[in-house]
C-alpha atoms as a PDB file:
ATOM      1  CA  MET A   1     -62.100 -25.467-167.566  1.00  0.00           C
ATOM      2  CA  TYR A   2     -65.810 -25.340-167.857  1.00  0.00           C
ATOM      3  CA  GLY A   3     -67.731 -25.173-171.024  1.00  0.00           C
ATOM      4  CA  MET A   4     -68.704 -22.083-172.843  1.00  0.00           C
ATOM      5  CA  SER A   5     -71.389 -19.923-171.267  1.00  0.00           C
ATOM      6  CA  GLY A   6     -73.986 -21.091-173.870  1.00  0.00           C
ATOM      7  CA  PRO A   7     -75.183 -20.962-177.343  1.00  0.00           C
ATOM      8  CA  TYR A   8     -74.197 -17.640-179.073  1.00  0.00           C
ATOM      9  CA  VAL A   9     -77.351 -16.490-180.765  1.00  0.00           C
ATOM     10  CA  ILE A  10     -76.850 -14.774-184.080  1.00  0.00           C
ATOM     11  CA  ARG A  11     -80.546 -13.785-184.673  1.00  0.00           C
ATOM     12  CA  GLY A  12     -83.876 -15.569-183.746  1.00  0.00           C
ATOM     13  CA  SER A  13     -83.248 -19.292-183.208  1.00  0.00           C
ATOM     14  CA  VAL A  14     -80.073 -19.435-185.108  1.00  0.00           C
ATOM     15  CA  SER A  15     -77.012 -19.782-182.968  1.00  0.00           C
ATOM     16  CA  LEU A  16     -73.135 -20.308-183.547  1.00  0.00           C
ATOM     17  CA  PRO A  17     -72.588 -24.283-183.661  1.00  0.00           C
ATOM     18  CA  GLU A  18     -69.666 -25.342-181.423  1.00  0.00           C
ATOM     19  CA  ALA A  19     -68.671 -28.050-183.962  1.00  0.00           C
ATOM     20  CA  GLU A  20     -68.092 -25.637-186.748  1.00  0.00           C
ATOM     21  CA  LEU A  21     -65.893 -23.225-184.523  1.00  0.00           C
ATOM     22  CA  MET A  22     -62.239 -23.597-184.886  1.00  0.00           C
ATOM     23  CA  TRP A  23     -60.096 -22.319-182.005  1.00  0.00           C
ATOM     24  CA  ARG A  24     -56.339 -21.376-182.084  1.00  0.00           C
ATOM     25  CA  PHE A  25     -54.397 -20.108-179.008  1.00  0.00           C
ATOM     26  CA  SER A  26     -51.168 -18.309-178.946  1.00  0.00           C
ATOM     27  CA  ARG A  27     -49.197 -16.209-176.553  1.00  0.00           C
ATOM     28  CA  SER A  28     -50.628 -12.652-176.154  1.00  0.00           C
ATOM     29  CA  SER A  29     -48.568  -9.569-176.205  1.00  0.00           C
ATOM     30  CA  GLY A  30     -48.880  -6.930-173.550  1.00  0.00           C
ATOM     31  CA  PRO A  31     -48.612  -6.693-169.791  1.00  0.00           C
ATOM     32  CA  GLY A  32     -48.524  -9.820-167.703  1.00  0.00           C
ATOM     33  CA  GLY A  33     -46.057 -11.355-165.279  1.00  0.00           C
ATOM     34  CA  GLN A  34     -44.003 -14.354-165.075  1.00  0.00           C
ATOM     35  CA  HIS A  35     -47.050 -16.426-166.254  1.00  0.00           C
ATOM     36  CA  VAL A  36     -47.465 -14.504-169.468  1.00  0.00           C
ATOM     37  CA  ASN A  37     -44.456 -16.135-171.232  1.00  0.00           C
ATOM     38  CA  THR A  38     -46.037 -19.640-170.480  1.00  0.00           C
ATOM     39  CA  SER A  39     -49.773 -19.321-171.290  1.00  0.00           C
ATOM     40  CA  ASP A  40     -51.440 -19.178-174.594  1.00  0.00           C
ATOM     41  CA  SER A  41     -54.086 -16.510-173.731  1.00  0.00           C
ATOM     42  CA  GLN A  42     -54.690 -15.029-177.159  1.00  0.00           C
ATOM     43  CA  VAL A  43     -57.665 -16.615-179.068  1.00  0.00           C
ATOM     44  CA  GLU A  44     -58.256 -16.874-182.822  1.00  0.00           C
ATOM     45  CA  LEU A  45     -61.757 -17.924-183.575  1.00  0.00           C
ATOM     46  CA  ARG A  46     -62.365 -19.065-187.177  1.00  0.00           C
ATOM     47  CA  PHE A  47     -65.735 -19.755-188.761  1.00  0.00           C
ATOM     48  CA  ASP A  48     -66.151 -21.330-192.195  1.00  0.00           C
ATOM     49  CA  LEU A  49     -68.957 -19.143-193.418  1.00  0.00           C
ATOM     50  CA  ALA A  50     -68.922 -20.567-197.030  1.00  0.00           C
ATOM     51  CA  ALA A  51     -69.335 -24.083-195.960  1.00  0.00           C
ATOM     52  CA  THR A  52     -71.832 -23.658-193.075  1.00  0.00           C
ATOM     53  CA  ASP A  53     -75.313 -25.251-193.186  1.00  0.00           C
ATOM     54  CA  VAL A  54     -76.488 -23.485-190.137  1.00  0.00           C
ATOM     55  CA  LEU A  55     -77.416 -20.211-191.713  1.00  0.00           C
ATOM     56  CA  PRO A  56     -80.475 -19.911-194.039  1.00  0.00           C
ATOM     57  CA  GLU A  57     -79.203 -19.521-197.636  1.00  0.00           C
ATOM     58  CA  VAL A  58     -80.478 -15.975-198.016  1.00  0.00           C
ATOM     59  CA  TRP A  59     -78.564 -14.949-194.683  1.00  0.00           C
ATOM     60  CA  LYS A  60     -75.430 -16.855-195.929  1.00  0.00           C
ATOM     61  CA  GLN A  61     -75.358 -15.007-199.239  1.00  0.00           C
ATOM     62  CA  ARG A  62     -75.927 -11.539-197.573  1.00  0.00           C
ATOM     63  CA  ALA A  63     -73.123 -12.273-194.975  1.00  0.00           C
ATOM     64  CA  LEU A  64     -70.728 -13.401-197.770  1.00  0.00           C
ATOM     65  CA  GLU A  65     -71.225 -10.168-199.603  1.00  0.00           C
ATOM     66  CA  ARG A  66     -71.056  -7.958-196.657  1.00  0.00           C
ATOM     67  CA  LEU A  67     -67.960  -9.542-195.070  1.00  0.00           C
ATOM     68  CA  ALA A  68     -66.190 -10.139-198.338  1.00  0.00           C
ATOM     69  CA  GLY A  69     -63.132  -7.923-197.247  1.00  0.00           C
ATOM     70  CA  ARG A  70     -62.780  -9.854-194.107  1.00  0.00           C
ATOM     71  CA  LEU A  71     -63.051 -13.398-195.465  1.00  0.00           C
ATOM     72  CA  SER A  72     -59.995 -15.503-196.287  1.00  0.00           C
ATOM     73  CA  GLY A  73     -61.287 -18.437-198.499  1.00  0.00           C
ATOM     74  CA  GLY A  74     -64.810 -18.218-197.093  1.00  0.00           C
ATOM     75  CA  VAL A  75     -63.461 -18.106-193.381  1.00  0.00           C
ATOM     76  CA  VAL A  76     -64.157 -15.340-191.101  1.00  0.00           C
ATOM     77  CA  THR A  77     -61.564 -14.947-188.397  1.00  0.00           C
ATOM     78  CA  VAL A  78     -61.967 -12.921-184.972  1.00  0.00           C
ATOM     79  CA  ARG A  79     -59.035 -12.431-182.614  1.00  0.00           C
ATOM     80  CA  ALA A  80     -59.438 -11.664-178.876  1.00  0.00           C
ATOM     81  CA  SER A  81     -56.491 -10.807-176.325  1.00  0.00           C
ATOM     82  CA  GLU A  82     -57.794  -8.087-174.149  1.00  0.00           C
ATOM     83  CA  HIS A  83     -58.199 -10.240-171.118  1.00  0.00           C
ATOM     84  CA  ARG A  84     -55.541 -12.208-169.257  1.00  0.00           C
ATOM     85  CA  SER A  85     -57.324 -15.492-169.031  1.00  0.00           C
ATOM     86  CA  GLN A  86     -57.820 -17.629-172.240  1.00  0.00           C
ATOM     87  CA  TRP A  87     -61.325 -18.490-170.903  1.00  0.00           C
ATOM     88  CA  ARG A  88     -62.474 -14.882-170.963  1.00  0.00           C
ATOM     89  CA  ASN A  89     -60.810 -14.190-174.292  1.00  0.00           C
ATOM     90  CA  ARG A  90     -62.623 -17.306-175.668  1.00  0.00           C
ATOM     91  CA  GLU A  91     -65.882 -15.753-174.444  1.00  0.00           C
ATOM     92  CA  ALA A  92     -65.042 -12.382-175.943  1.00  0.00           C
ATOM     93  CA  ALA A  93     -64.204 -13.857-179.384  1.00  0.00           C
ATOM     94  CA  ALA A  94     -67.325 -15.870-179.537  1.00  0.00           C
ATOM     95  CA  VAL A  95     -69.454 -12.897-178.665  1.00  0.00           C
ATOM     96  CA  ARG A  96     -67.738 -10.623-181.192  1.00  0.00           C
ATOM     97  CA  LEU A  97     -68.279 -13.322-183.982  1.00  0.00           C
ATOM     98  CA  ALA A  98     -71.950 -13.452-183.158  1.00  0.00           C
ATOM     99  CA  ALA A  99     -72.253  -9.900-183.269  1.00  0.00           C
ATOM    100  CA  LEU A 100     -70.475  -9.583-186.458  1.00  0.00           C
ATOM    101  CA  LEU A 101     -72.639 -12.378-188.065  1.00  0.00           C
ATOM    102  CA  ALA A 102     -75.718 -10.767-186.658  1.00  0.00           C
ATOM    103  CA  GLU A 103     -74.954  -7.543-188.300  1.00  0.00           C
ATOM    104  CA  ALA A 104     -73.913  -9.145-191.484  1.00  0.00           C
ATOM    105  CA  THR A 105     -77.180 -11.218-191.980  1.00  0.00           C
ATOM    106  CA  ALA A 106     -79.471  -8.361-190.982  1.00  0.00           C
ATOM    107  CA  PRO A 107     -82.017  -7.372-193.660  1.00  0.00           C
ATOM    108  CA  PRO A 108     -81.281  -4.249-195.584  1.00  0.00           C
ATOM    109  CA  PRO A 109     -82.901  -1.158-194.341  1.00  0.00           C
ATOM    110  CA  ARG A 110     -86.196  -0.012-195.946  1.00  0.00           C
ATOM    111  CA  PRO A 111     -85.547   2.552-198.679  1.00  0.00           C
ATOM    112  CA  ARG A 112     -86.422   6.114-197.528  1.00  0.00           C
ATOM    113  CA  LYS A 113     -89.688   7.427-198.941  1.00  0.00           C
ATOM    114  CA  PRO A 114     -89.244  10.959-200.178  1.00  0.00           C
ATOM    115  CA  THR A 115     -91.525  13.330-198.718  1.00  0.00           C
ATOM    116  CA  ARG A 116     -92.374  17.118-199.488  1.00  0.00           C
ATOM    117  CA  VAL A 117     -91.664  19.983-197.185  1.00  0.00           C
ATOM    118  CA  PRO A 118     -95.054  21.227-195.556  1.00  0.00           C
ATOM    119  CA  ARG A 119     -96.164  24.398-196.911  1.00  0.00           C
ATOM    120  CA  GLY A 120     -96.594  25.718-193.158  1.00  0.00           C
ATOM    121  CA  ILE A 121     -92.833  25.209-192.612  1.00  0.00           C
ATOM    122  CA  ASN A 122     -91.929  27.243-195.613  1.00  0.00           C
ATOM    123  CA  GLU A 123     -94.312  30.018-194.904  1.00  0.00           C
ATOM    124  CA  ARG A 124     -93.157  30.264-191.219  1.00  0.00           C
ATOM    125  CA  ARG A 125     -89.363  30.506-192.424  1.00  0.00           C
ATOM    126  CA  LEU A 126     -90.363  33.301-194.956  1.00  0.00           C
ATOM    127  CA  ARG A 127     -92.386  35.213-192.244  1.00  0.00           C
ATOM    128  CA  GLU A 128     -89.429  34.980-189.789  1.00  0.00           C
ATOM    129  CA  LYS A 129     -86.946  36.212-192.594  1.00  0.00           C
ATOM    130  CA  LYS A 130     -89.224  39.117-193.080  1.00  0.00           C
ATOM    131  CA  GLN A 131     -89.427  39.937-189.430  1.00  0.00           C
ATOM    132  CA  ARG A 132     -85.604  39.726-189.110  1.00  0.00           C
ATOM    133  CA  SER A 133     -85.329  42.052-192.006  1.00  0.00           C
ATOM    134  CA  GLU A 134     -87.663  44.577-190.548  1.00  0.00           C
ATOM    135  CA  THR A 135     -85.738  44.507-187.147  1.00  0.00           C
ATOM    136  CA  LYS A 136     -82.480  45.102-189.055  1.00  0.00           C
ATOM    137  CA  ARG A 137     -83.794  47.912-191.135  1.00  0.00           C
ATOM    138  CA  GLY A 138     -85.098  49.605-188.118  1.00  0.00           C
ATOM    139  CA  ARG A 139     -81.613  49.838-186.696  1.00  0.00           C
ATOM    140  CA  SER A 140     -80.235  51.917-189.489  1.00  0.00           C
ATOM    141  CA  ALA A 141     -78.760  55.067-188.302  1.00  0.00           C
ATOM    142  CA  ARG A 142     -80.565  57.464-190.996  1.00  0.00           C
ATOM    143  CA  ASP A 143     -83.131  58.630-188.506  1.00  0.00           C
ATOM    144  CA  TRP A 144     -80.943  59.136-185.527  1.00  0.00           C
ATOM    145  CA  GLY A 145     -79.051  62.315-186.593  1.00  0.00           C
END
């Protein structure tokens, strides 16, 4: 088996350190053949978010807050079993973990700046309402008889 396809970039120049990734393999459920009962193709990737020194402290705190529901003792876990080969499941798990950390460490969005409704929009709405009212009033049957 060859090495992983490269550093999995979280954001900017920060990437997942191979030394801090903990891998566990088990038998995957689902379709297969004779080979499926003997191969450990399901991958469980664990990353100790609380103890890592790779992430800047601000990012780490932000990720710990946002991923609080997914953490177990400060460790985030990702499983992959959609492929039949262990290598492809390793790739999928690492990419998923990098995407999860990228989303969790992203800066919060800028607060929305409230704006007023332009006067022209309000005037146009009222003008269209008046036209619609005139159209409907013109349809009344009182002059037809």
